[in-house]
Every structure is written in structure tokens, then in C-alpha cells.
C-alpha atoms as a PDB file:
ATOM      1  CA  UNK A   1      88.339 107.573  78.081  1.00  0.00           C
ATOM      2  CA  UNK A   2      86.762 110.017  80.958  1.00  0.00           C
ATOM      3  CA  UNK A   3      88.219 109.818  84.337  1.00  0.00           C
ATOM      4  CA  UNK A   4      85.218 108.346  85.949  1.00  0.00           C
ATOM      5  CA  UNK A   5      84.992 105.389  83.556  1.00  0.00           C
ATOM      6  CA  UNK A   6      88.740 104.673  84.266  1.00  0.00           C
ATOM      7  CA  UNK A   7      88.093 104.893  88.064  1.00  0.00           C
ATOM      8  CA  UNK A   8      84.973 102.654  87.624  1.00  0.00           C
ATOM      9  CA  UNK A   9      86.951  99.925  85.556  1.00  0.00           C
ATOM     10  CA  UNK A  10      90.031 100.235  88.076  1.00  0.00           C
ATOM     11  CA  UNK A  11      87.676  99.792  91.244  1.00  0.00           C
ATOM     12  CA  UNK A  12      85.664  96.965  89.653  1.00  0.00           C
ATOM     13  CA  UNK A  13      89.018  94.878  88.944  1.00  0.00           C
ATOM     14  CA  UNK A  14      89.888  95.594  92.621  1.00  0.00           C
ATOM     15  CA  UNK A  15      86.521  94.386  93.722  1.00  0.00           C
ATOM     16  CA  UNK A  16      86.795  91.159  91.713  1.00  0.00           C
ATOM     17  CA  UNK A  17      90.365  90.662  93.026  1.00  0.00           C
ATOM     18  CA  UNK A  18      88.994  91.068  96.532  1.00  0.00           C
ATOM     19  CA  UNK A  19      86.488  88.605  95.759  1.00  0.00           C
ATOM     20  CA  UNK A  20      88.843  86.113  94.449  1.00  0.00           C
ATOM     21  CA  UNK A  21      91.019  86.424  97.730  1.00  0.00           C
ATOM     22  CA  UNK A  22      87.654  86.004  99.571  1.00  0.00           C
ATOM     23  CA  UNK A  23      86.663  82.926  97.830  1.00  0.00           C
ATOM     24  CA  UNK A  24      90.239  81.357  98.061  1.00  0.00           C
ATOM     25  CA  UNK A  25      90.098  82.145 101.849  1.00  0.00           C
ATOM     26  CA  UNK A  26      86.577  80.356 102.206  1.00  0.00           C
ATOM     27  CA  UNK A  27      88.013  77.347 100.403  1.00  0.00           C
ATOM     28  CA  UNK A  28      91.189  77.244 102.219  1.00  0.00           C
ATOM     29  CA  UNK A  29      89.807  77.361 105.638  1.00  0.00           C
ATOM     30  CA  UNK A  30      86.984  75.027 104.622  1.00  0.00           C
ATOM     31  CA  UNK A  31      84.231  77.371 105.813  1.00  0.00           C
ATOM     32  CA  UNK A  32      80.956  75.152 106.313  1.00  0.00           C
ATOM     33  CA  UNK A  33      82.815  72.278 104.658  1.00  0.00           C
ATOM     34  CA  UNK A  34      82.746  73.945 101.305  1.00  0.00           C
ATOM     35  CA  UNK A  35      86.018  72.476 100.045  1.00  0.00           C
ATOM     36  CA  UNK A  36      84.625  69.047 100.401  1.00  0.00           C
ATOM     37  CA  UNK A  37      81.456  70.106  98.669  1.00  0.00           C
ATOM     38  CA  UNK A  38      83.204  71.631  95.850  1.00  0.00           C
ATOM     39  CA  UNK A  39      85.664  69.103  95.188  1.00  0.00           C
ATOM     40  CA  UNK A  40      83.168  65.985  95.439  1.00  0.00           C
ATOM     41  CA  UNK A  41      80.432  67.132  93.047  1.00  0.00           C
ATOM     42  CA  UNK A  42      80.607  67.475  89.329  1.00  0.00           C
ATOM     43  CA  UNK A  43      79.377  71.060  89.343  1.00  0.00           C
ATOM     44  CA  UNK A  44      81.887  72.188  92.029  1.00  0.00           C
ATOM     45  CA  UNK A  45      83.797  74.295  89.418  1.00  0.00           C
ATOM     46  CA  UNK A  46      80.527  76.181  88.533  1.00  0.00           C
ATOM     47  CA  UNK A  47      79.676  76.624  92.187  1.00  0.00           C
ATOM     48  CA  UNK A  48      83.197  78.422  92.726  1.00  0.00           C
ATOM     49  CA  UNK A  49      82.666  80.423  89.598  1.00  0.00           C
ATOM     50  CA  UNK A  50      79.316  81.735  90.640  1.00  0.00           C
ATOM     51  CA  UNK A  51      80.551  82.447  94.291  1.00  0.00           C
ATOM     52  CA  UNK A  52      83.340  84.627  92.860  1.00  0.00           C
ATOM     53  CA  UNK A  53      81.188  86.262  90.321  1.00  0.00           C
ATOM     54  CA  UNK A  54      78.414  87.318  92.695  1.00  0.00           C
ATOM     55  CA  UNK A  55      80.882  88.184  95.417  1.00  0.00           C
ATOM     56  CA  UNK A  56      82.823  90.368  92.895  1.00  0.00           C
ATOM     57  CA  UNK A  57      79.793  92.136  91.833  1.00  0.00           C
ATOM     58  CA  UNK A  58      79.081  93.013  95.549  1.00  0.00           C
ATOM     59  CA  UNK A  59      82.812  93.785  96.290  1.00  0.00           C
ATOM     60  CA  UNK A  60      83.212  96.014  93.040  1.00  0.00           C
ATOM     61  CA  UNK A  61      79.925  97.926  94.003  1.00  0.00           C
ATOM     62  CA  UNK A  62      81.148  98.603  97.636  1.00  0.00           C
ATOM     63  CA  UNK A  63      84.661  99.371  96.220  1.00  0.00           C
ATOM     64  CA  UNK A  64      83.209 101.923  93.767  1.00  0.00           C
ATOM     65  CA  UNK A  65      80.869 103.463  96.269  1.00  0.00           C
ATOM     66  CA  UNK A  66      83.859 103.943  98.830  1.00  0.00           C
ATOM     67  CA  UNK A  67      86.060 105.415  96.135  1.00  0.00           C
ATOM     68  CA  UNK A  68      83.075 107.965  95.142  1.00  0.00           C
ATOM     69  CA  UNK A  69      82.417 108.958  98.589  1.00  0.00           C
ATOM     70  CA  UNK A  70      86.110 109.654  99.209  1.00  0.00           C
ATOM     71  CA  UNK A  71      86.477 112.039  96.310  1.00  0.00           C
ATOM     72  CA  UNK A  72      86.790 115.732  97.127  1.00  0.00           C
ATOM     73  CA  UNK A  73      84.104 117.892  96.360  1.00  0.00           C
ATOM     74  CA  UNK A  74      85.077 121.317  94.358  1.00  0.00           C
ATOM     75  CA  UNK A  75      82.713 123.951  95.279  1.00  0.00           C
ATOM     76  CA  UNK A  76      82.327 126.440  92.546  1.00  0.00           C
ATOM     77  CA  UNK A  77      79.576 128.354  94.144  1.00  0.00           C
ATOM     78  CA  UNK A  78      81.643 131.311  95.744  1.00  0.00           C
ATOM     79  CA  UNK A  79      78.555 133.140  97.089  1.00  0.00           C
ATOM     80  CA  UNK A  80      77.779 130.460  99.609  1.00  0.00           C
ATOM     81  CA  UNK A  81      79.058 131.573 102.876  1.00  0.00           C
ATOM     82  CA  UNK A  82      77.526 129.011 105.027  1.00  0.00           C
ATOM     83  CA  UNK A  83      80.253 126.369 104.399  1.00  0.00           C
ATOM     84  CA  UNK A  84      78.534 123.440 106.113  1.00  0.00           C
ATOM     85  CA  UNK A  85      77.238 125.516 109.287  1.00  0.00           C
ATOM     86  CA  UNK A  86      73.480 125.127 109.937  1.00  0.00           C
ATOM     87  CA  UNK A  87      71.405 128.221 108.903  1.00  0.00           C
ATOM     88  CA  UNK A  88      69.749 129.628 111.979  1.00  0.00           C
ATOM     89  CA  UNK A  89      65.932 129.613 111.667  1.00  0.00           C
ATOM     90  CA  UNK A  90      63.834 132.664 113.289  1.00  0.00           C
ATOM     91  CA  UNK A  91      60.327 131.464 114.515  1.00  0.00           C
ATOM     92  CA  UNK A  92      57.402 133.382 113.195  1.00  0.00           C
ATOM     93  CA  UNK A  93      54.232 133.743 115.426  1.00  0.00           C
ATOM     94  CA  UNK A  94      50.994 132.918 113.707  1.00  0.00           C
ATOM     95  CA  UNK A  95      47.641 133.173 115.376  1.00  0.00           C
ATOM     96  CA  UNK A  96      45.647 130.024 115.088  1.00  0.00           C
ATOM     97  CA  UNK A  97      41.922 130.558 114.965  1.00  0.00           C
ATOM     98  CA  UNK A  98      38.903 128.319 114.452  1.00  0.00           C
ATOM     99  CA  UNK A  99      35.820 129.401 112.497  1.00  0.00           C
ATOM    100  CA  UNK A 100      32.889 130.595 114.964  1.00  0.00           C
ATOM    101  CA  UNK A 101      29.743 128.331 115.236  1.00  0.00           C
ATOM    102  CA  UNK A 102      31.672 125.036 114.415  1.00  0.00           C
ATOM    103  CA  UNK A 103      32.401 124.084 117.967  1.00  0.00           C
ATOM    104  CA  UNK A 104      32.249 120.295 118.630  1.00  0.00           C
ATOM    105  CA  UNK A 105      30.952 118.675 121.638  1.00  0.00           C
ATOM    106  CA  UNK A 106      32.969 115.853 123.052  1.00  0.00           C
ATOM    107  CA  UNK A 107      31.013 114.821 125.945  1.00  0.00           C
ATOM    108  CA  UNK A 108      29.722 111.229 126.268  1.00  0.00           C
ATOM    109  CA  UNK A 109      26.090 110.692 125.700  1.00  0.00           C
END
């Protein structure tokens, strides 16, 4: 299996584990009376499952994005001598001329 796929599966599992911790803390601290709502309805399990699933999708995406952004970049282009420094630009003067006979009169009538 390619290394990128292994990393994606690992980071997705970490994201869903973080989602489980997050939902558990939401229920434990009874945020916006969520524990009462979940335990006193017949679809409370479905609500907890969907909360875990959707937060897991978000957390997994963020986890994978962070791991991709923290990867090292191997630059195999040896002829690039800028190495992150900005390229200095040299201004070039160009004469701007307008065609004759097309002057506009901007006076009020």
C-alpha cells in the first residue's frame, strides 16, 4: 500500500478518535443540556452517532490537512538558486501616448 494512503488512513482514524473524545466531553459536561436531550428521546443514539460521524469527518479532514502541511518538501530542482528569497524586479520605463485628434472635452455644458 502506498505511504500516502497509509498516512491518510492513520490520520482519519486519529480524527475519528478525536471526534469520539469531543462528543464524549460534550455529553459529560452536558453542553446545552445535550445529555438530557439524548437520554430522553427514542432517537438519542442516532443523534449521538451522527454527531460523532460529522465531527469525525471534519476532524479527520483537519488532521490530514495538518499532517500534509507539516510534511517536508524535497526540492529536486538543483538549478533553483533563489531558495525562497524574493526575486528583485527591475522597472522598465514605457512612454504612454494617446492618439492625436481624439482629445475629449470634459467641460460642463
